[in-house]
Amino acid sequence: MTTEHTTAAKRRPYWDQYTAHDHTWRTDHRTKQPRRPPGEDLAAMRSGLGRPAMDSPRMWPLYSCEVDDVLALRDEVSDEQKAEHAALALYGLHQQSQSTPMHRRGIKLGEALRALRRSGKFSEEALDTRVAQLAGATSVPALLVHLRGLITQLRTVGQPLDYNHLMADIQAWHRTDRRPQVRLKWAIGYQAWKDKAPAD
């Protein structure tokens, strides 16, 4: 593994270690060159697609959230750990072969999908159906299957999103009482395509 994962850096999610506040890559202070995620890191993340948290040893150095000691004693992981695993795997898929950061603060999933709809790259009706299937997922595994397909489409058009928000959404999906709030957030972002496109 070529990446240096210091204790301080691990306090931040992986994608924040490489993305600057101006949505570009952070600069390596020694070489003054953009510091991009190593390809082997992204490949390690993709190895976690469709697998439970902690099931891919290649991903272990990439996790940042704290271990729940109580759950660990029972050989279990927290919803936060599960969500980070899923978000990392999706980020590895999204960032693959992209020259610019696919993590961008402030762009929630609904807004990213709205931009995808406006791109003209895919059928609007088909995308509406896929987004409805995502919002209607009745389990976390089903949610992640739908997310994987949509993230692949976002990668096709180079549309970034905020992975901190996505991780929080996935974590919330583990609790059925929190799913309506997540759906509402996605709907507000996605249904804005009915309004006039913003100047930006």
N, C-alpha and C. Protein backbone atom coordinates (compact mmCIF):
# COMPACT_ATOMS: atom_id res chain seq x y z
N MET A 1 0.85 -1.19 0.00
CA MET A 1 0.00 0.00 0.00
C MET A 1 0.88 1.24 0.00
N THR A 2 0.70 2.10 -0.98
CA THR A 2 1.58 3.25 -1.12
C THR A 2 1.09 4.44 -0.30
N THR A 3 -0.17 4.41 0.10
CA THR A 3 -0.73 5.55 0.82
C THR A 3 -0.27 5.54 2.26
N GLU A 4 0.06 6.73 2.78
CA GLU A 4 0.41 6.86 4.19
C GLU A 4 -0.85 7.19 4.96
N HIS A 5 -1.28 6.27 5.83
CA HIS A 5 -2.49 6.48 6.61
C HIS A 5 -2.07 6.78 8.05
N THR A 6 -1.91 8.04 8.37
CA THR A 6 -1.50 8.42 9.71
C THR A 6 -2.70 8.41 10.64
N THR A 7 -2.42 8.41 11.93
CA THR A 7 -3.49 8.41 12.92
C THR A 7 -4.36 9.65 12.75
N ALA A 8 -3.73 10.80 12.49
CA ALA A 8 -4.50 12.04 12.33
C ALA A 8 -5.39 11.96 11.11
N ALA A 9 -4.83 11.41 9.99
CA ALA A 9 -5.61 11.35 8.75
C ALA A 9 -6.80 10.42 8.90
N LYS A 10 -6.66 9.38 9.69
CA LYS A 10 -7.73 8.41 9.84
C LYS A 10 -8.95 8.98 10.52
N ARG A 11 -8.81 10.12 11.16
CA ARG A 11 -9.97 10.74 11.79
C ARG A 11 -10.93 11.29 10.74
N ARG A 12 -10.44 11.47 9.54
CA ARG A 12 -11.28 11.95 8.44
C ARG A 12 -11.59 10.79 7.51
N PRO A 13 -12.77 10.78 6.91
CA PRO A 13 -13.06 9.75 5.92
C PRO A 13 -12.04 9.80 4.77
N TYR A 14 -11.83 8.70 4.14
CA TYR A 14 -10.81 8.57 3.10
C TYR A 14 -10.90 9.68 2.06
N TRP A 15 -12.09 9.90 1.53
CA TRP A 15 -12.25 10.87 0.43
C TRP A 15 -11.87 12.29 0.85
N ASP A 16 -12.04 12.63 2.12
CA ASP A 16 -11.66 13.96 2.60
C ASP A 16 -10.15 14.13 2.70
N GLN A 17 -9.42 13.03 2.74
CA GLN A 17 -7.97 13.10 2.82
C GLN A 17 -7.36 13.56 1.50
N TYR A 18 -8.12 13.46 0.43
CA TYR A 18 -7.58 13.79 -0.90
C TYR A 18 -8.27 14.98 -1.57
N THR A 19 -9.46 15.35 -1.11
CA THR A 19 -10.20 16.42 -1.76
C THR A 19 -10.06 17.72 -0.99
N ALA A 20 -9.64 18.77 -1.68
CA ALA A 20 -9.47 20.09 -1.05
C ALA A 20 -10.81 20.82 -0.98
N HIS A 21 -10.83 21.93 -0.25
CA HIS A 21 -12.07 22.68 -0.07
C HIS A 21 -12.55 23.33 -1.37
N ASP A 22 -11.65 23.51 -2.33
CA ASP A 22 -12.06 24.10 -3.61
C ASP A 22 -12.43 23.02 -4.62
N HIS A 23 -12.65 21.79 -4.15
CA HIS A 23 -13.11 20.66 -4.95
C HIS A 23 -12.05 20.13 -5.91
N THR A 24 -10.80 20.49 -5.67
CA THR A 24 -9.69 19.93 -6.45
C THR A 24 -8.94 18.94 -5.56
N TRP A 25 -7.92 18.31 -6.13
CA TRP A 25 -7.10 17.41 -5.33
C TRP A 25 -6.23 18.22 -4.36
N ARG A 26 -6.02 17.68 -3.19
CA ARG A 26 -5.06 18.29 -2.27
C ARG A 26 -3.67 18.23 -2.89
N THR A 27 -2.81 19.14 -2.48
CA THR A 27 -1.46 19.21 -3.03
C THR A 27 -0.46 18.50 -2.12
N ASP A 28 0.40 17.72 -2.71
CA ASP A 28 1.49 17.09 -1.97
C ASP A 28 2.51 18.18 -1.65
N HIS A 29 2.77 18.41 -0.37
CA HIS A 29 3.64 19.52 0.03
C HIS A 29 5.09 19.32 -0.42
N ARG A 30 5.48 18.08 -0.64
CA ARG A 30 6.85 17.82 -1.07
C ARG A 30 7.03 18.03 -2.57
N THR A 31 6.10 17.49 -3.36
CA THR A 31 6.25 17.55 -4.82
C THR A 31 5.48 18.72 -5.44
N LYS A 32 4.57 19.33 -4.66
CA LYS A 32 3.71 20.41 -5.15
C LYS A 32 2.77 19.93 -6.27
N GLN A 33 2.59 18.62 -6.35
CA GLN A 33 1.71 18.04 -7.35
C GLN A 33 0.40 17.59 -6.71
N PRO A 34 -0.68 17.48 -7.52
CA PRO A 34 -1.95 17.00 -6.96
C PRO A 34 -1.78 15.61 -6.35
N ARG A 35 -2.39 15.40 -5.21
CA ARG A 35 -2.31 14.12 -4.51
C ARG A 35 -3.60 13.36 -4.72
N ARG A 36 -3.56 12.38 -5.60
CA ARG A 36 -4.74 11.60 -5.95
C ARG A 36 -4.76 10.26 -5.22
N PRO A 37 -5.95 9.68 -5.04
CA PRO A 37 -6.02 8.36 -4.41
C PRO A 37 -5.27 7.33 -5.26
N PRO A 38 -4.39 6.54 -4.67
CA PRO A 38 -3.68 5.51 -5.43
C PRO A 38 -4.65 4.51 -6.04
N GLY A 39 -4.31 4.04 -7.23
CA GLY A 39 -5.17 3.07 -7.90
C GLY A 39 -5.39 1.81 -7.09
N GLU A 40 -4.37 1.41 -6.32
CA GLU A 40 -4.54 0.20 -5.52
C GLU A 40 -5.53 0.40 -4.39
N ASP A 41 -5.62 1.64 -3.87
CA ASP A 41 -6.62 1.93 -2.85
C ASP A 41 -8.03 1.80 -3.45
N LEU A 42 -8.22 2.37 -4.63
CA LEU A 42 -9.53 2.32 -5.27
C LEU A 42 -9.92 0.89 -5.61
N ALA A 43 -8.94 0.10 -6.04
CA ALA A 43 -9.21 -1.30 -6.33
C ALA A 43 -9.58 -2.05 -5.05
N ALA A 44 -8.90 -1.72 -3.95
CA ALA A 44 -9.23 -2.35 -2.67
C ALA A 44 -10.66 -2.02 -2.25
N MET A 45 -11.07 -0.77 -2.48
CA MET A 45 -12.44 -0.38 -2.15
C MET A 45 -13.44 -1.17 -2.98
N ARG A 46 -13.17 -1.29 -4.27
CA ARG A 46 -14.11 -2.00 -5.14
C ARG A 46 -14.23 -3.47 -4.76
N SER A 47 -13.19 -4.00 -4.11
CA SER A 47 -13.26 -5.40 -3.67
C SER A 47 -14.33 -5.59 -2.60
N GLY A 48 -14.78 -4.49 -2.00
CA GLY A 48 -15.82 -4.56 -0.97
C GLY A 48 -17.23 -4.47 -1.50
N LEU A 49 -17.40 -4.24 -2.81
CA LEU A 49 -18.73 -4.14 -3.38
C LEU A 49 -19.49 -5.46 -3.19
N GLY A 50 -20.68 -5.37 -2.63
CA GLY A 50 -21.48 -6.56 -2.44
C GLY A 50 -21.05 -7.44 -1.28
N ARG A 51 -20.09 -6.99 -0.51
CA ARG A 51 -19.59 -7.78 0.61
C ARG A 51 -19.85 -7.03 1.92
N PRO A 52 -20.04 -7.75 3.02
CA PRO A 52 -20.27 -7.07 4.31
C PRO A 52 -19.04 -6.37 4.82
N ALA A 53 -19.25 -5.45 5.75
CA ALA A 53 -18.13 -4.72 6.36
C ALA A 53 -17.14 -5.68 6.99
N MET A 54 -15.87 -5.35 6.83
CA MET A 54 -14.74 -6.12 7.38
C MET A 54 -14.47 -7.42 6.63
N ASP A 55 -15.24 -7.70 5.58
CA ASP A 55 -15.07 -8.96 4.86
C ASP A 55 -13.97 -8.89 3.81
N SER A 56 -13.48 -7.68 3.51
CA SER A 56 -12.40 -7.52 2.54
C SER A 56 -11.17 -6.97 3.26
N PRO A 57 -10.20 -7.82 3.59
CA PRO A 57 -9.01 -7.36 4.32
C PRO A 57 -8.28 -6.21 3.66
N ARG A 58 -8.35 -6.10 2.35
CA ARG A 58 -7.67 -5.02 1.64
C ARG A 58 -8.24 -3.66 2.02
N MET A 59 -9.45 -3.64 2.53
CA MET A 59 -10.08 -2.37 2.90
C MET A 59 -9.76 -1.95 4.34
N TRP A 60 -9.30 -2.86 5.14
CA TRP A 60 -9.11 -2.54 6.56
C TRP A 60 -8.30 -1.28 6.81
N PRO A 61 -7.18 -1.03 6.08
CA PRO A 61 -6.40 0.19 6.35
C PRO A 61 -7.13 1.48 5.93
N LEU A 62 -8.23 1.35 5.19
CA LEU A 62 -8.90 2.52 4.63
C LEU A 62 -10.05 3.02 5.50
N TYR A 63 -10.47 2.22 6.47
CA TYR A 63 -11.56 2.64 7.35
C TYR A 63 -11.09 3.77 8.28
N SER A 64 -12.02 4.65 8.63
CA SER A 64 -11.67 5.77 9.51
C SER A 64 -12.53 5.83 10.77
N CYS A 65 -13.75 5.32 10.74
CA CYS A 65 -14.62 5.46 11.92
C CYS A 65 -14.18 4.52 13.04
N GLU A 66 -14.49 4.91 14.25
CA GLU A 66 -14.04 4.17 15.41
C GLU A 66 -14.79 2.84 15.54
N VAL A 67 -14.08 1.86 16.08
CA VAL A 67 -14.68 0.56 16.34
C VAL A 67 -15.51 0.63 17.61
N ASP A 68 -16.71 0.07 17.56
CA ASP A 68 -17.56 -0.02 18.75
C ASP A 68 -17.09 -1.22 19.56
N ASP A 69 -16.43 -0.94 20.69
CA ASP A 69 -15.83 -2.02 21.47
C ASP A 69 -16.86 -3.03 21.98
N VAL A 70 -18.04 -2.54 22.36
CA VAL A 70 -19.07 -3.43 22.88
C VAL A 70 -19.51 -4.42 21.80
N LEU A 71 -19.76 -3.88 20.61
CA LEU A 71 -20.16 -4.76 19.50
C LEU A 71 -19.03 -5.67 19.08
N ALA A 72 -17.80 -5.14 19.12
CA ALA A 72 -16.64 -5.95 18.72
C ALA A 72 -16.49 -7.18 19.60
N LEU A 73 -16.83 -7.05 20.87
CA LEU A 73 -16.75 -8.20 21.78
C LEU A 73 -17.73 -9.30 21.37
N ARG A 74 -18.77 -8.92 20.63
CA ARG A 74 -19.75 -9.90 20.13
C ARG A 74 -19.51 -10.23 18.67
N ASP A 75 -18.33 -9.82 18.16
CA ASP A 75 -17.99 -10.05 16.74
C ASP A 75 -19.01 -9.40 15.82
N GLU A 76 -19.43 -8.18 16.17
CA GLU A 76 -20.36 -7.41 15.36
C GLU A 76 -19.77 -6.04 15.06
N VAL A 77 -20.32 -5.38 14.06
CA VAL A 77 -19.88 -4.03 13.70
C VAL A 77 -21.08 -3.08 13.78
N SER A 78 -20.79 -1.81 13.97
CA SER A 78 -21.84 -0.80 14.10
C SER A 78 -22.43 -0.43 12.75
N ASP A 79 -23.58 0.22 12.78
CA ASP A 79 -24.19 0.71 11.54
C ASP A 79 -23.28 1.73 10.87
N GLU A 80 -22.56 2.50 11.68
CA GLU A 80 -21.62 3.48 11.11
C GLU A 80 -20.51 2.78 10.34
N GLN A 81 -19.97 1.70 10.90
CA GLN A 81 -18.93 0.95 10.21
C GLN A 81 -19.46 0.33 8.92
N LYS A 82 -20.67 -0.20 8.99
CA LYS A 82 -21.28 -0.78 7.79
C LYS A 82 -21.48 0.29 6.71
N ALA A 83 -21.92 1.48 7.14
CA ALA A 83 -22.16 2.56 6.19
C ALA A 83 -20.86 3.05 5.57
N GLU A 84 -19.80 3.14 6.39
CA GLU A 84 -18.52 3.58 5.83
C GLU A 84 -18.00 2.56 4.83
N HIS A 85 -18.13 1.29 5.16
CA HIS A 85 -17.69 0.25 4.22
C HIS A 85 -18.41 0.40 2.88
N ALA A 86 -19.73 0.55 2.93
CA ALA A 86 -20.52 0.67 1.71
C ALA A 86 -20.14 1.93 0.93
N ALA A 87 -19.97 3.04 1.64
CA ALA A 87 -19.62 4.30 0.98
C ALA A 87 -18.23 4.23 0.35
N LEU A 88 -17.29 3.61 1.03
CA LEU A 88 -15.95 3.44 0.46
C LEU A 88 -15.99 2.61 -0.80
N ALA A 89 -16.74 1.52 -0.78
CA ALA A 89 -16.84 0.66 -1.95
C ALA A 89 -17.43 1.42 -3.13
N LEU A 90 -18.46 2.22 -2.86
CA LEU A 90 -19.09 3.01 -3.92
C LEU A 90 -18.16 4.11 -4.41
N TYR A 91 -17.42 4.72 -3.49
CA TYR A 91 -16.46 5.75 -3.88
C TYR A 91 -15.38 5.15 -4.79
N GLY A 92 -14.89 3.96 -4.45
CA GLY A 92 -13.90 3.31 -5.30
C GLY A 92 -14.42 3.07 -6.69
N LEU A 93 -15.69 2.72 -6.80
CA LEU A 93 -16.33 2.54 -8.11
C LEU A 93 -16.48 3.87 -8.84
N HIS A 94 -16.91 4.89 -8.11
CA HIS A 94 -17.18 6.21 -8.69
C HIS A 94 -15.90 6.90 -9.17
N GLN A 95 -14.84 6.80 -8.37
CA GLN A 95 -13.61 7.52 -8.66
C GLN A 95 -12.76 6.82 -9.72
N GLN A 96 -13.04 5.58 -10.01
CA GLN A 96 -12.24 4.81 -10.97
C GLN A 96 -12.15 5.52 -12.32
N SER A 97 -10.92 5.73 -12.78
CA SER A 97 -10.64 6.34 -14.10
C SER A 97 -11.10 7.78 -14.23
N GLN A 98 -11.38 8.45 -13.11
CA GLN A 98 -11.78 9.85 -13.15
C GLN A 98 -10.59 10.75 -12.80
N SER A 99 -10.41 11.82 -13.55
CA SER A 99 -9.26 12.70 -13.33
C SER A 99 -9.54 13.77 -12.27
N THR A 100 -10.81 14.00 -11.96
CA THR A 100 -11.19 15.00 -10.96
C THR A 100 -11.88 14.31 -9.79
N PRO A 101 -11.93 14.92 -8.62
CA PRO A 101 -12.54 14.28 -7.46
C PRO A 101 -14.04 14.03 -7.65
N MET A 102 -14.46 12.82 -7.33
CA MET A 102 -15.89 12.49 -7.39
C MET A 102 -16.58 12.71 -6.05
N HIS A 103 -15.81 13.11 -5.04
CA HIS A 103 -16.39 13.58 -3.79
C HIS A 103 -16.41 15.10 -3.83
N ARG A 104 -17.58 15.67 -3.68
CA ARG A 104 -17.69 17.14 -3.65
C ARG A 104 -18.66 17.53 -2.55
N ARG A 105 -18.16 18.27 -1.59
CA ARG A 105 -18.98 18.67 -0.45
C ARG A 105 -20.20 19.47 -0.91
N GLY A 106 -21.32 19.17 -0.30
CA GLY A 106 -22.53 19.94 -0.54
C GLY A 106 -23.44 19.39 -1.61
N ILE A 107 -22.98 18.46 -2.44
CA ILE A 107 -23.83 17.89 -3.48
C ILE A 107 -24.42 16.59 -2.96
N LYS A 108 -25.64 16.67 -2.47
CA LYS A 108 -26.30 15.49 -1.92
C LYS A 108 -26.78 14.59 -3.05
N LEU A 109 -27.14 13.37 -2.69
CA LEU A 109 -27.48 12.38 -3.70
C LEU A 109 -28.60 12.84 -4.62
N GLY A 110 -29.67 13.41 -4.06
CA GLY A 110 -30.78 13.87 -4.89
C GLY A 110 -30.34 14.88 -5.93
N GLU A 111 -29.47 15.81 -5.53
CA GLU A 111 -28.98 16.83 -6.46
C GLU A 111 -28.10 16.22 -7.54
N ALA A 112 -27.26 15.26 -7.15
CA ALA A 112 -26.40 14.59 -8.14
C ALA A 112 -27.24 13.83 -9.15
N LEU A 113 -28.29 13.18 -8.69
CA LEU A 113 -29.17 12.44 -9.60
C LEU A 113 -29.97 13.39 -10.48
N ARG A 114 -30.31 14.56 -9.96
CA ARG A 114 -30.98 15.58 -10.77
C ARG A 114 -30.06 16.02 -11.91
N ALA A 115 -28.77 16.24 -11.59
CA ALA A 115 -27.80 16.61 -12.63
C ALA A 115 -27.65 15.49 -13.65
N LEU A 116 -27.69 14.25 -13.19
CA LEU A 116 -27.62 13.10 -14.10
C LEU A 116 -28.81 13.11 -15.05
N ARG A 117 -29.98 13.41 -14.53
CA ARG A 117 -31.20 13.45 -15.36
C ARG A 117 -31.09 14.54 -16.42
N ARG A 118 -30.52 15.67 -16.03
CA ARG A 118 -30.39 16.79 -16.96
C ARG A 118 -29.28 16.58 -17.99
N SER A 119 -28.41 15.61 -17.76
CA SER A 119 -27.27 15.41 -18.66
C SER A 119 -27.69 14.94 -20.04
N GLY A 120 -28.86 14.32 -20.14
CA GLY A 120 -29.32 13.81 -21.42
C GLY A 120 -28.66 12.51 -21.83
N LYS A 121 -27.83 11.97 -20.97
CA LYS A 121 -27.09 10.75 -21.30
C LYS A 121 -27.97 9.51 -21.20
N PHE A 122 -28.96 9.58 -20.32
CA PHE A 122 -29.82 8.42 -20.10
C PHE A 122 -31.29 8.83 -20.24
N SER A 123 -32.13 7.85 -20.49
CA SER A 123 -33.57 8.08 -20.58
C SER A 123 -34.09 8.63 -19.25
N GLU A 124 -34.80 9.74 -19.32
CA GLU A 124 -35.34 10.35 -18.11
C GLU A 124 -36.33 9.41 -17.42
N GLU A 125 -37.17 8.74 -18.23
CA GLU A 125 -38.16 7.83 -17.66
C GLU A 125 -37.48 6.65 -16.96
N ALA A 126 -36.44 6.11 -17.60
CA ALA A 126 -35.74 4.98 -17.00
C ALA A 126 -35.04 5.40 -15.71
N LEU A 127 -34.48 6.61 -15.71
CA LEU A 127 -33.80 7.11 -14.52
C LEU A 127 -34.80 7.35 -13.40
N ASP A 128 -35.97 7.92 -13.74
CA ASP A 128 -37.01 8.12 -12.73
C ASP A 128 -37.37 6.79 -12.07
N THR A 129 -37.45 5.74 -12.87
CA THR A 129 -37.79 4.42 -12.34
C THR A 129 -36.71 3.91 -11.41
N ARG A 130 -35.45 4.09 -11.80
CA ARG A 130 -34.34 3.61 -10.97
C ARG A 130 -34.27 4.37 -9.65
N VAL A 131 -34.52 5.67 -9.70
CA VAL A 131 -34.51 6.48 -8.48
C VAL A 131 -35.67 6.07 -7.57
N ALA A 132 -36.83 5.78 -8.16
CA ALA A 132 -37.97 5.33 -7.37
C ALA A 132 -37.67 3.98 -6.71
N GLN A 133 -36.99 3.11 -7.44
CA GLN A 133 -36.62 1.80 -6.87
C GLN A 133 -35.63 1.99 -5.72
N LEU A 134 -34.71 2.93 -5.87
CA LEU A 134 -33.77 3.24 -4.79
C LEU A 134 -34.52 3.69 -3.55
N ALA A 135 -35.40 4.66 -3.73
CA ALA A 135 -36.13 5.22 -2.59
C ALA A 135 -37.08 4.21 -1.96
N GLY A 136 -37.50 3.21 -2.74
CA GLY A 136 -38.42 2.22 -2.23
C GLY A 136 -37.75 0.98 -1.68
N ALA A 137 -36.42 0.97 -1.62
CA ALA A 137 -35.70 -0.20 -1.12
C ALA A 137 -36.13 -0.52 0.30
N THR A 138 -36.41 -1.78 0.56
CA THR A 138 -36.91 -2.18 1.87
C THR A 138 -35.83 -2.81 2.75
N SER A 139 -34.59 -2.81 2.27
CA SER A 139 -33.48 -3.34 3.06
C SER A 139 -32.21 -2.62 2.66
N VAL A 140 -31.19 -2.69 3.50
CA VAL A 140 -29.91 -2.06 3.17
C VAL A 140 -29.26 -2.74 1.97
N PRO A 141 -29.23 -4.09 1.88
CA PRO A 141 -28.63 -4.72 0.69
C PRO A 141 -29.31 -4.28 -0.61
N ALA A 142 -30.64 -4.17 -0.60
CA ALA A 142 -31.36 -3.71 -1.79
C ALA A 142 -30.98 -2.28 -2.12
N LEU A 143 -30.89 -1.45 -1.09
CA LEU A 143 -30.48 -0.05 -1.30
C LEU A 143 -29.13 0.01 -1.98
N LEU A 144 -28.18 -0.79 -1.52
CA LEU A 144 -26.82 -0.74 -2.06
C LEU A 144 -26.76 -1.25 -3.49
N VAL A 145 -27.60 -2.21 -3.84
CA VAL A 145 -27.65 -2.68 -5.23
C VAL A 145 -28.09 -1.54 -6.15
N HIS A 146 -29.14 -0.82 -5.74
CA HIS A 146 -29.63 0.30 -6.55
C HIS A 146 -28.61 1.43 -6.59
N LEU A 147 -27.97 1.69 -5.46
CA LEU A 147 -26.95 2.74 -5.43
C LEU A 147 -25.79 2.41 -6.38
N ARG A 148 -25.39 1.17 -6.39
CA ARG A 148 -24.28 0.76 -7.26
C ARG A 148 -24.57 1.07 -8.73
N GLY A 149 -25.79 0.77 -9.17
CA GLY A 149 -26.15 1.06 -10.55
C GLY A 149 -26.17 2.55 -10.84
N LEU A 150 -26.70 3.34 -9.91
CA LEU A 150 -26.77 4.79 -10.11
C LEU A 150 -25.40 5.44 -10.02
N ILE A 151 -24.54 4.95 -9.14
CA ILE A 151 -23.18 5.49 -9.05
C ILE A 151 -22.43 5.23 -10.35
N THR A 152 -22.65 4.07 -10.94
CA THR A 152 -22.02 3.77 -12.23
C THR A 152 -22.46 4.78 -13.29
N GLN A 153 -23.73 5.15 -13.27
CA GLN A 153 -24.22 6.15 -14.22
C GLN A 153 -23.64 7.53 -13.91
N LEU A 154 -23.53 7.87 -12.63
CA LEU A 154 -22.91 9.15 -12.28
C LEU A 154 -21.46 9.21 -12.75
N ARG A 155 -20.76 8.09 -12.63
CA ARG A 155 -19.37 8.05 -13.10
C ARG A 155 -19.30 8.27 -14.61
N THR A 156 -20.27 7.75 -15.34
CA THR A 156 -20.29 7.89 -16.80
C THR A 156 -20.30 9.34 -17.22
N VAL A 157 -21.00 10.19 -16.47
CA VAL A 157 -21.08 11.61 -16.84
C VAL A 157 -20.14 12.47 -16.00
N GLY A 158 -19.35 11.83 -15.12
CA GLY A 158 -18.39 12.58 -14.30
C GLY A 158 -19.05 13.48 -13.28
N GLN A 159 -20.22 13.05 -12.76
CA GLN A 159 -20.96 13.86 -11.79
C GLN A 159 -20.57 13.46 -10.37
N PRO A 160 -19.97 14.38 -9.60
CA PRO A 160 -19.58 14.07 -8.22
C PRO A 160 -20.75 14.17 -7.25
N LEU A 161 -20.53 13.70 -6.04
CA LEU A 161 -21.49 13.89 -4.96
C LEU A 161 -20.75 13.90 -3.63
N ASP A 162 -21.47 14.27 -2.59
CA ASP A 162 -20.87 14.38 -1.26
C ASP A 162 -20.94 13.02 -0.56
N TYR A 163 -19.79 12.38 -0.40
CA TYR A 163 -19.77 11.05 0.19
C TYR A 163 -19.98 11.06 1.70
N ASN A 164 -19.76 12.19 2.35
CA ASN A 164 -20.09 12.28 3.76
C ASN A 164 -21.61 12.20 3.95
N HIS A 165 -22.34 12.89 3.08
CA HIS A 165 -23.80 12.83 3.13
C HIS A 165 -24.28 11.44 2.76
N LEU A 166 -23.68 10.85 1.73
CA LEU A 166 -24.11 9.52 1.31
C LEU A 166 -23.90 8.50 2.42
N MET A 167 -22.75 8.58 3.08
CA MET A 167 -22.48 7.67 4.19
C MET A 167 -23.52 7.83 5.29
N ALA A 168 -23.90 9.07 5.59
CA ALA A 168 -24.92 9.32 6.61
C ALA A 168 -26.27 8.76 6.19
N ASP A 169 -26.59 8.87 4.89
CA ASP A 169 -27.85 8.33 4.38
C ASP A 169 -27.88 6.80 4.52
N ILE A 170 -26.77 6.16 4.17
CA ILE A 170 -26.71 4.70 4.26
C ILE A 170 -26.82 4.26 5.72
N GLN A 171 -26.15 4.99 6.60
CA GLN A 171 -26.24 4.65 8.02
C GLN A 171 -27.68 4.79 8.52
N ALA A 172 -28.35 5.86 8.11
CA ALA A 172 -29.74 6.08 8.53
C ALA A 172 -30.66 4.99 8.01
N TRP A 173 -30.34 4.43 6.84
CA TRP A 173 -31.21 3.42 6.22
C TRP A 173 -31.26 2.13 7.05
N HIS A 174 -30.31 1.95 7.95
CA HIS A 174 -30.34 0.76 8.81
C HIS A 174 -31.49 0.82 9.81
N ARG A 175 -32.08 2.00 9.99
CA ARG A 175 -33.21 2.16 10.90
C ARG A 175 -34.45 2.54 10.10
N THR A 176 -35.46 1.69 10.15
CA THR A 176 -36.66 1.93 9.34
C THR A 176 -37.34 3.25 9.69
N ASP A 177 -37.23 3.70 10.94
CA ASP A 177 -37.89 4.95 11.33
C ASP A 177 -37.20 6.18 10.77
N ARG A 178 -35.97 6.02 10.28
CA ARG A 178 -35.25 7.16 9.71
C ARG A 178 -35.31 7.20 8.18
N ARG A 179 -35.80 6.15 7.58
CA ARG A 179 -35.85 6.11 6.11
C ARG A 179 -36.74 7.19 5.50
N PRO A 180 -37.91 7.49 6.07
CA PRO A 180 -38.73 8.56 5.48
C PRO A 180 -38.01 9.89 5.38
N GLN A 181 -37.19 10.23 6.37
CA GLN A 181 -36.46 11.48 6.34
C GLN A 181 -35.43 11.48 5.21
N VAL A 182 -34.77 10.34 5.01
CA VAL A 182 -33.79 10.24 3.92
C VAL A 182 -34.50 10.35 2.58
N ARG A 183 -35.63 9.65 2.43
CA ARG A 183 -36.40 9.72 1.18
C ARG A 183 -36.81 11.16 0.88
N LEU A 184 -37.25 11.87 1.93
CA LEU A 184 -37.68 13.26 1.74
C LEU A 184 -36.52 14.10 1.24
N LYS A 185 -35.35 13.91 1.80
CA LYS A 185 -34.17 14.67 1.38
C LYS A 185 -33.83 14.39 -0.08
N TRP A 186 -33.88 13.10 -0.46
CA TRP A 186 -33.60 12.75 -1.85
C TRP A 186 -34.64 13.35 -2.79
N ALA A 187 -35.91 13.28 -2.38
CA ALA A 187 -36.98 13.79 -3.23
C ALA A 187 -36.84 15.29 -3.46
N ILE A 188 -36.51 16.02 -2.40
CA ILE A 188 -36.37 17.47 -2.54
C ILE A 188 -35.25 17.79 -3.54
N GLY A 189 -34.14 17.07 -3.44
CA GLY A 189 -33.04 17.31 -4.37
C GLY A 189 -33.34 16.88 -5.78
N TYR A 190 -33.96 15.72 -5.92
CA TYR A 190 -34.20 15.16 -7.26
C TYR A 190 -35.37 15.83 -7.97
N GLN A 191 -36.45 16.09 -7.25
CA GLN A 191 -37.64 16.65 -7.88
C GLN A 191 -37.46 18.11 -8.28
N ALA A 192 -36.36 18.71 -7.88
CA ALA A 192 -36.10 20.11 -8.28
C ALA A 192 -35.92 20.23 -9.78
N TRP A 193 -35.77 19.07 -10.49
CA TRP A 193 -35.67 19.17 -11.96
C TRP A 193 -36.94 19.74 -12.57
N LYS A 194 -38.03 19.71 -11.81
CA LYS A 194 -39.29 20.27 -12.33
C LYS A 194 -39.24 21.78 -12.39
N ASP A 195 -38.33 22.36 -11.60
CA ASP A 195 -38.19 23.81 -11.58
C ASP A 195 -37.17 24.25 -12.62
N LYS A 196 -37.06 25.55 -12.77
CA LYS A 196 -36.09 26.11 -13.69
C LYS A 196 -34.68 25.77 -13.22
N ALA A 197 -33.80 25.42 -14.16
CA ALA A 197 -32.43 25.07 -13.81
C ALA A 197 -31.75 26.27 -13.17
N PRO A 198 -30.96 26.08 -12.13
CA PRO A 198 -30.25 27.19 -11.48
C PRO A 198 -29.18 27.77 -12.40
N ALA A 199 -28.79 28.99 -12.12
CA ALA A 199 -27.80 29.68 -12.96
C ALA A 199 -26.47 28.95 -12.96
N ASP A 200 -26.12 28.35 -11.80
CA ASP A 200 -24.85 27.63 -11.68
C ASP A 200 -25.01 26.23 -12.26
